[in-house]
Amino acid sequence: MRVYSPVHIDFDSGECKETFSSRLAYVKKRIDSLPNPYVGNKRKIIFKMLKSIENRKIKYENVLDLFSGSSCISIAMKYMGKRVVANDILLSSYFYAHAFVSNNCVSLSKDKKKYLLHNDNKNKGSFVRDNFKERFTSEEAYFLDNYRANINDLDDDYEKSLAFVNMQFYIMEHCFLGGRLNNGQVLAELNFRKKHKRNAGTTMMFEDMRWHSFVEDKSLKSIEGNKAFCCDALEFLSSKEYKNEQIDLVYIDPPYGGQQSDYGFMFNFFESYARQEPIEKWSVAPSMNKFSKKKGYEKHFISVLKALSEVPCLVISYNDSSWTGIDDIKKIVSEVREDVDSEAIDYKYNSRSEKNRKAIEYLIFAK
């Protein structure tokens, strides 16, 4: 995809000027050039959401993306000139924010990429080979175990995050086939993946990896001070790190409490690969369920709203497949905020089910 410079022609003066809309369109195209990193990511609503905030004349410079996921919103906010604090409970999601949001200057050199792909690491384990035989060939699993050991050898934490997220992009491109999940997980089983028309019997070669970075795009300038955290949302909001932050606007995109809300289980491979532990050993697993089921959801949602009582503005995403109806959600928000309104956005999902193919996505603005 060709991405054009973020300028707009002023036909009165004949000069090229950067405007809010031209910058936003450019940033969105840059984000859209990434492979689809995350089921449920909000790439499709970036333009409409930031336009709606601008049209409402909401003033803000410091943003908290509390459930940052793939960090699409955080990246867009950053390159629109805002200072961003991104948080997610998943370590595999934290790597996105660390690589693309808090990182302003580090990229992977050719030598580092070569090392990651080709170094035969004597310290490699057998985690993927032992735990994910149904997802990968023995050759793929061997490579992934070796690659993970090579990540550990990198000196810079930003390099480690970049190495991880680029591998996650690559695996998602080949192993997530869209539509129905495989027993609740995003990666297809090996036999089904190989038979799919996208792969036509081939397996992953890894040599054809494309490496993604934002710091090499010189037209994307941002301010300093962007941060990434890996915490339970409620624990983060009670932490010293959060209380020391100046936040003007919080974007909240929690799991919706309906189908496909258990992100830890859905992305089991990536989270396990990041932690080098099987899912049953994750110490944070209980916290991941706070927003994955309808039971107890309202209590946790209200706790988040109350913890954010001092923040001037909240922008909240929900759709009509959520744990409860939009009117009920707005009513709950109205109990802690005086000025609440919502906006509906047509949002098409890639699903084999006609019932779920098109849903109404809502943005709630609360001040």
Protein backbone atom coordinates (compact mmCIF):
# COMPACT_ATOMS: atom_id res chain seq x y z
CA MET A 1 0.00 0.00 0.00
CA ARG A 2 1.33 3.43 -0.92
CA VAL A 3 1.02 5.93 1.92
CA TYR A 4 1.06 9.60 0.99
CA SER A 5 2.52 12.49 2.94
CA PRO A 6 0.20 14.05 5.58
CA VAL A 7 -0.44 17.32 3.73
CA HIS A 8 -3.43 19.03 2.18
CA ILE A 9 -3.39 21.39 -0.79
CA ASP A 10 -4.73 24.84 0.00
CA PHE A 11 -6.31 25.76 -3.33
CA ASP A 12 -6.50 29.45 -2.40
CA SER A 13 -2.78 29.80 -1.81
CA GLY A 14 -1.54 26.83 -3.81
CA GLU A 15 0.55 25.73 -0.83
CA CYS A 16 0.63 22.34 0.84
CA LYS A 17 -0.39 22.50 4.47
CA GLU A 18 -0.85 19.85 7.11
CA THR A 19 -4.33 19.84 8.62
CA PHE A 20 -5.93 17.76 11.34
CA SER A 21 -7.76 15.68 8.73
CA SER A 22 -4.74 15.15 6.48
CA ARG A 23 -2.57 14.14 9.43
CA LEU A 24 -5.26 11.79 10.73
CA ALA A 25 -5.77 10.20 7.29
CA TYR A 26 -2.02 9.65 6.94
CA VAL A 27 -1.66 8.12 10.40
CA LYS A 28 -4.62 5.80 9.80
CA LYS A 29 -3.17 4.62 6.48
CA ARG A 30 0.14 3.88 8.19
CA ILE A 31 -1.65 1.82 10.84
CA ASP A 32 -3.77 0.09 8.18
CA SER A 33 -0.55 -0.95 6.43
CA LEU A 34 0.19 -3.25 9.38
CA PRO A 35 -1.12 -6.82 9.20
CA ASN A 36 -4.26 -7.41 11.25
CA PRO A 37 -2.71 -7.81 14.70
CA TYR A 38 -5.67 -8.54 16.93
CA VAL A 39 -9.21 -9.86 16.72
CA GLY A 40 -11.49 -7.01 17.80
CA ASN A 41 -8.96 -4.25 17.14
CA LYS A 42 -10.34 -0.79 16.42
CA ARG A 43 -8.49 0.18 13.25
CA LYS A 44 -11.79 0.71 11.43
CA ILE A 45 -13.02 3.38 13.84
CA ILE A 46 -9.82 5.38 14.39
CA PHE A 47 -10.73 8.09 11.90
CA LYS A 48 -14.34 8.42 13.06
CA MET A 49 -13.43 8.40 16.74
CA LEU A 50 -10.73 11.06 16.57
CA LYS A 51 -12.91 13.14 14.26
CA SER A 52 -15.78 12.92 16.77
CA ILE A 53 -13.49 14.04 19.60
CA GLU A 54 -12.30 16.95 17.45
CA ASN A 55 -15.85 17.91 16.44
CA ARG A 56 -16.89 17.99 20.09
CA LYS A 57 -14.02 20.42 20.73
CA ILE A 58 -12.70 18.24 23.55
CA LYS A 59 -9.36 19.63 24.72
CA TYR A 60 -6.77 17.06 25.72
CA GLU A 61 -3.03 16.50 25.52
CA ASN A 62 -2.47 13.45 27.74
CA VAL A 63 -4.28 10.19 26.96
CA LEU A 64 -4.67 6.90 28.80
CA ASP A 65 -5.59 3.88 26.67
CA LEU A 66 -6.64 1.59 29.50
CA PHE A 67 -7.24 -1.63 27.52
CA SER A 68 -4.77 -0.98 24.72
CA GLY A 69 -4.81 -4.38 22.99
CA SER A 70 -3.16 -4.00 19.59
CA SER A 71 -2.37 -0.33 20.45
CA CYS A 72 -3.99 0.95 17.23
CA ILE A 73 -5.71 3.78 19.08
CA SER A 74 -2.60 4.53 21.14
CA ILE A 75 -0.42 4.72 18.02
CA ALA A 76 -2.89 7.04 16.32
CA MET A 77 -3.11 9.29 19.39
CA LYS A 78 0.67 9.40 19.66
CA TYR A 79 1.21 10.49 16.07
CA MET A 80 -1.61 13.02 16.33
CA GLY A 81 0.67 14.76 18.82
CA LYS A 82 -0.77 13.51 22.11
CA ARG A 83 1.22 12.05 24.99
CA VAL A 84 -0.01 8.50 25.50
CA VAL A 85 -0.01 6.08 28.40
CA ALA A 86 -1.02 2.60 27.21
CA ASN A 87 -1.92 -0.34 29.43
CA ASP A 88 -3.01 -3.92 28.91
CA ILE A 89 -3.02 -6.99 31.13
CA LEU A 90 -1.67 -9.23 28.36
CA LEU A 91 2.10 -9.27 28.05
CA SER A 92 1.75 -10.02 24.34
CA SER A 93 -0.34 -6.83 23.99
CA TYR A 94 2.06 -4.80 26.12
CA PHE A 95 4.77 -5.56 23.54
CA TYR A 96 2.75 -3.67 20.90
CA ALA A 97 2.56 -0.57 23.10
CA HIS A 98 6.19 -0.86 24.14
CA ALA A 99 7.40 -1.29 20.54
CA PHE A 100 5.20 1.34 18.86
CA VAL A 101 4.02 3.79 21.54
CA SER A 102 6.71 4.30 24.18
CA ASN A 103 9.48 3.64 21.65
CA ASN A 104 10.51 6.79 19.76
CA CYS A 105 13.85 5.85 18.21
CA VAL A 106 14.77 2.14 18.27
CA SER A 107 14.43 -0.14 15.25
CA LEU A 108 15.91 -3.52 14.41
CA SER A 109 19.09 -3.40 12.34
CA LYS A 110 19.75 -5.81 9.47
CA ASP A 111 22.26 -7.63 11.64
CA LYS A 112 19.73 -8.03 14.47
CA LYS A 113 17.09 -9.35 12.07
CA LYS A 114 19.62 -11.80 10.63
CA TYR A 115 20.57 -12.91 14.15
CA LEU A 116 16.93 -13.48 15.10
CA LEU A 117 16.24 -15.58 12.02
CA HIS A 118 19.49 -17.51 11.63
CA ASN A 119 21.43 -17.77 14.88
CA ASP A 120 21.40 -21.34 16.20
CA ASN A 121 20.91 -20.63 19.90
CA LYS A 122 22.44 -23.15 22.29
CA ASN A 123 20.05 -21.96 25.02
CA LYS A 124 16.83 -22.64 23.11
CA GLY A 125 14.20 -24.58 24.97
CA SER A 126 11.43 -26.81 23.66
CA PHE A 127 8.37 -24.91 24.91
CA VAL A 128 6.56 -24.64 21.56
CA ARG A 129 7.52 -28.18 20.56
CA ASP A 130 6.22 -29.55 23.86
CA ASN A 131 2.97 -27.55 24.10
CA PHE A 132 1.73 -26.60 20.63
CA LYS A 133 2.15 -29.66 18.43
CA GLU A 134 -1.40 -29.23 17.12
CA ARG A 135 -0.66 -25.70 15.83
CA PHE A 136 2.79 -25.98 14.22
CA THR A 137 4.93 -28.42 12.29
CA SER A 138 7.98 -29.77 14.11
CA GLU A 139 10.19 -27.51 11.94
CA GLU A 140 8.08 -24.43 12.69
CA ALA A 141 8.06 -25.21 16.42
CA TYR A 142 11.83 -25.73 16.43
CA PHE A 143 12.31 -22.38 14.69
CA LEU A 144 9.98 -20.58 17.13
CA ASP A 145 11.79 -22.02 20.16
CA ASN A 146 15.09 -20.90 18.70
CA TYR A 147 13.73 -17.44 17.77
CA ARG A 148 12.43 -16.95 21.30
CA ALA A 149 15.89 -17.70 22.71
CA ASN A 150 17.40 -15.23 20.23
CA ILE A 151 14.98 -12.55 21.45
CA ASN A 152 16.36 -13.06 24.96
CA ASP A 153 19.87 -12.35 23.66
CA LEU A 154 18.99 -8.87 22.40
CA ASP A 155 20.38 -6.09 24.57
CA ASP A 156 17.62 -3.51 24.19
CA ASP A 157 14.09 -4.01 25.55
CA TYR A 158 12.56 -2.12 22.61
CA GLU A 159 14.36 -4.47 20.23
CA LYS A 160 12.92 -7.43 22.14
CA SER A 161 9.40 -6.02 21.84
CA LEU A 162 9.83 -5.32 18.12
CA ALA A 163 11.13 -8.84 17.57
CA PHE A 164 8.14 -10.31 19.36
CA VAL A 165 5.40 -8.24 17.70
CA ASN A 166 6.80 -8.76 14.21
CA MET A 167 6.72 -12.51 14.77
CA GLN A 168 3.17 -12.18 16.09
CA PHE A 169 2.18 -10.31 12.91
CA TYR A 170 3.73 -13.02 10.78
CA ILE A 171 2.06 -15.91 12.61
CA MET A 172 -1.33 -14.18 12.55
CA GLU A 173 -1.03 -13.65 8.79
CA HIS A 174 -0.50 -17.37 8.24
CA CYS A 175 -2.36 -19.06 11.10
CA PHE A 176 -5.43 -16.92 11.77
CA LEU A 177 -7.89 -17.75 9.03
CA GLY A 178 -10.67 -15.34 10.01
CA GLY A 179 -14.24 -15.98 11.06
CA ARG A 180 -14.84 -18.86 13.43
CA LEU A 181 -12.25 -19.44 16.15
CA ASN A 182 -10.66 -22.83 16.65
CA ASN A 183 -11.97 -24.10 19.98
CA GLY A 184 -11.98 -20.50 21.20
CA GLN A 185 -8.48 -19.66 19.96
CA VAL A 186 -7.34 -17.45 17.09
CA LEU A 187 -4.78 -19.85 15.61
CA ALA A 188 -6.08 -22.62 13.37
CA GLU A 189 -5.03 -26.20 13.92
CA LEU A 190 -2.13 -27.22 11.72
CA ASN A 191 -3.99 -29.55 9.34
CA PHE A 192 -6.80 -27.07 8.73
CA ARG A 193 -4.35 -24.22 8.25
CA LYS A 194 -2.34 -26.14 5.64
CA LYS A 195 -5.49 -27.07 3.70
CA HIS A 196 -6.81 -23.51 3.66
CA LYS A 197 -6.64 -21.76 0.28
CA ARG A 198 -4.50 -19.00 1.77
CA ASN A 199 -1.66 -21.43 2.43
CA ALA A 200 -2.30 -24.08 -0.25
CA GLY A 201 -0.46 -26.82 1.63
CA THR A 202 2.59 -24.71 2.46
CA THR A 203 3.99 -24.06 5.91
CA MET A 204 5.65 -20.97 7.36
CA MET A 205 9.12 -20.26 5.94
CA PHE A 206 9.90 -17.19 8.13
CA GLU A 207 12.45 -15.92 5.57
CA ASP A 208 9.67 -13.84 3.98
CA MET A 209 8.92 -11.91 7.20
CA ARG A 210 8.17 -8.22 6.74
CA TRP A 211 9.51 -6.06 9.54
CA HIS A 212 7.32 -3.21 10.75
CA SER A 213 8.42 -0.06 12.56
CA PHE A 214 7.16 3.50 12.90
CA VAL A 215 10.36 5.26 13.95
CA GLU A 216 11.78 5.08 10.42
CA ASP A 217 8.91 7.17 9.05
CA LYS A 218 10.32 10.68 9.48
CA SER A 219 6.98 12.39 8.82
CA LEU A 220 5.57 10.79 11.99
CA LYS A 221 6.71 13.12 14.72
CA SER A 222 5.54 12.84 18.30
CA ILE A 223 6.24 14.36 21.68
CA GLU A 224 8.25 12.58 24.35
CA GLY A 225 6.93 10.87 27.46
CA ASN A 226 4.80 8.06 26.01
CA LYS A 227 4.64 5.01 28.29
CA ALA A 228 3.50 1.39 28.25
CA PHE A 229 2.35 -0.72 31.18
CA CYS A 230 1.30 -4.36 31.61
CA CYS A 231 -1.23 -4.40 34.45
CA ASP A 232 -4.72 -5.39 35.45
CA ALA A 233 -6.78 -2.26 34.69
CA LEU A 234 -8.10 -1.76 38.22
CA GLU A 235 -4.72 -2.44 39.79
CA PHE A 236 -3.12 0.06 37.43
CA LEU A 237 -5.67 2.75 38.35
CA SER A 238 -4.79 2.34 42.02
CA SER A 239 -1.04 2.32 41.40
CA LYS A 240 1.49 5.03 42.17
CA GLU A 241 2.49 5.07 38.49
CA TYR A 242 -1.02 6.08 37.42
CA LYS A 243 -1.52 8.58 40.23
CA ASN A 244 1.66 10.37 39.17
CA GLU A 245 0.30 10.84 35.63
CA GLN A 246 -1.47 13.89 34.24
CA ILE A 247 -4.39 12.45 32.21
CA ASP A 248 -6.95 14.55 30.31
CA LEU A 249 -8.79 11.82 28.41
CA VAL A 250 -9.17 8.08 28.88
CA TYR A 251 -10.14 5.71 26.09
CA ILE A 252 -11.81 2.55 27.40
CA ASP A 253 -12.25 -0.46 25.12
CA PRO A 254 -12.73 -3.39 27.49
CA PRO A 255 -13.70 -6.91 26.44
CA TYR A 256 -17.44 -6.75 25.92
CA GLY A 257 -18.46 -9.65 28.13
CA GLY A 258 -20.03 -11.54 25.27
CA GLN A 259 -18.57 -14.00 22.81
CA GLN A 260 -14.83 -13.77 22.15
CA SER A 261 -14.09 -11.81 25.34
CA ASP A 262 -11.57 -14.14 26.96
CA TYR A 263 -8.52 -12.64 25.24
CA GLY A 264 -6.05 -14.59 27.34
CA PHE A 265 -7.50 -17.87 26.08
CA MET A 266 -8.08 -16.60 22.53
CA PHE A 267 -4.44 -15.54 22.26
CA ASN A 268 -3.20 -18.43 24.36
CA PHE A 269 -0.24 -19.21 22.11
CA PHE A 270 1.13 -15.66 21.97
CA GLU A 271 0.70 -15.05 25.69
CA SER A 272 2.23 -18.42 26.55
CA TYR A 273 5.06 -17.82 24.07
CA ALA A 274 5.74 -14.42 25.63
CA ARG A 275 5.69 -15.74 29.20
CA GLN A 276 7.22 -19.15 28.36
CA GLU A 277 4.56 -20.67 30.60
CA PRO A 278 1.40 -22.64 29.75
CA ILE A 279 -1.88 -20.91 30.46
CA GLU A 280 -2.56 -22.87 33.65
CA LYS A 281 0.56 -21.33 35.23
CA TRP A 282 -0.14 -17.65 34.50
CA SER A 283 -0.36 -15.82 37.80
CA VAL A 284 -2.54 -13.12 36.20
CA ALA A 285 -5.12 -15.54 34.74
CA PRO A 286 -7.83 -14.76 37.36
CA SER A 287 -7.57 -11.03 36.66
CA MET A 288 -8.05 -11.66 32.93
CA ASN A 289 -11.57 -12.94 33.60
CA LYS A 290 -12.92 -9.74 35.17
CA PHE A 291 -14.31 -8.53 31.86
CA SER A 292 -14.64 -11.81 29.97
CA LYS A 293 -18.01 -12.92 31.38
CA LYS A 294 -21.26 -11.14 32.14
CA LYS A 295 -21.21 -12.25 35.78
CA GLY A 296 -19.53 -9.57 37.86
CA TYR A 297 -18.95 -7.38 34.80
CA GLU A 298 -21.07 -4.45 35.99
CA LYS A 299 -19.27 -4.33 39.36
CA HIS A 300 -15.85 -4.14 37.69
CA PHE A 301 -17.05 -1.63 35.11
CA ILE A 302 -18.39 0.69 37.80
CA SER A 303 -15.10 0.34 39.72
CA VAL A 304 -13.21 1.50 36.64
CA LEU A 305 -15.53 4.50 36.19
CA LYS A 306 -15.17 5.52 39.84
CA ALA A 307 -11.39 5.18 39.72
CA LEU A 308 -11.39 7.63 36.79
CA SER A 309 -13.58 10.21 38.52
CA GLU A 310 -10.89 12.91 38.37
CA VAL A 311 -10.26 12.58 34.61
CA PRO A 312 -12.05 15.31 32.60
CA CYS A 313 -13.25 13.10 29.74
CA LEU A 314 -13.91 9.42 29.03
CA VAL A 315 -14.41 7.89 25.60
CA ILE A 316 -15.84 4.38 25.82
CA SER A 317 -16.30 1.78 23.07
CA TYR A 318 -19.11 -0.77 23.13
CA ASN A 319 -21.27 -2.59 20.61
CA ASP A 320 -24.66 -4.27 20.61
CA SER A 321 -23.17 -7.69 21.33
CA SER A 322 -21.97 -6.50 24.74
CA TRP A 323 -22.81 -7.77 28.21
CA THR A 324 -25.87 -5.50 28.29
CA GLY A 325 -27.66 -3.01 26.05
CA ILE A 326 -26.26 0.39 25.19
CA ASP A 327 -29.03 2.18 27.12
CA ASP A 328 -28.11 0.28 30.28
CA ILE A 329 -24.42 1.05 29.78
CA LYS A 330 -25.15 4.76 29.31
CA LYS A 331 -27.33 4.72 32.44
CA ILE A 332 -24.46 3.26 34.48
CA VAL A 333 -22.04 5.87 33.11
CA SER A 334 -24.58 8.62 33.87
CA GLU A 335 -24.54 7.66 37.54
CA VAL A 336 -20.93 8.85 37.82
CA ARG A 337 -20.81 11.48 35.02
CA GLU A 338 -23.06 14.47 34.41
CA ASP A 339 -22.62 14.89 30.66
CA VAL A 340 -23.06 11.62 28.72
CA ASP A 341 -23.91 11.11 25.07
CA SER A 342 -23.27 8.42 22.48
CA GLU A 343 -22.67 8.01 18.78
CA ALA A 344 -23.42 4.94 16.67
CA ILE A 345 -20.94 3.74 14.05
CA ASP A 346 -21.62 1.10 11.40
CA TYR A 347 -18.95 -1.49 11.94
CA LYS A 348 -18.62 -4.64 9.83
CA TYR A 349 -17.01 -7.74 11.33
CA ASN A 350 -15.42 -10.54 9.33
CA SER A 351 -17.55 -13.44 10.47
CA ARG A 352 -19.02 -16.53 8.86
CA SER A 353 -22.25 -15.84 10.73
CA GLU A 354 -24.62 -13.43 9.00
CA LYS A 355 -26.08 -12.57 12.41
CA ASN A 356 -22.73 -11.18 13.59
CA ARG A 357 -21.45 -9.84 10.27
CA LYS A 358 -22.66 -6.32 10.97
CA ALA A 359 -22.97 -4.84 14.43
CA ILE A 360 -23.52 -1.35 15.76
CA GLU A 361 -20.44 0.06 17.44
CA TYR A 362 -21.07 2.85 19.94
CA LEU A 363 -18.80 5.56 21.23
CA ILE A 364 -19.85 6.98 24.60
CA PHE A 365 -18.52 10.39 25.53
CA ALA A 366 -18.65 11.19 29.24
CA LYS A 367 -17.55 14.39 30.97
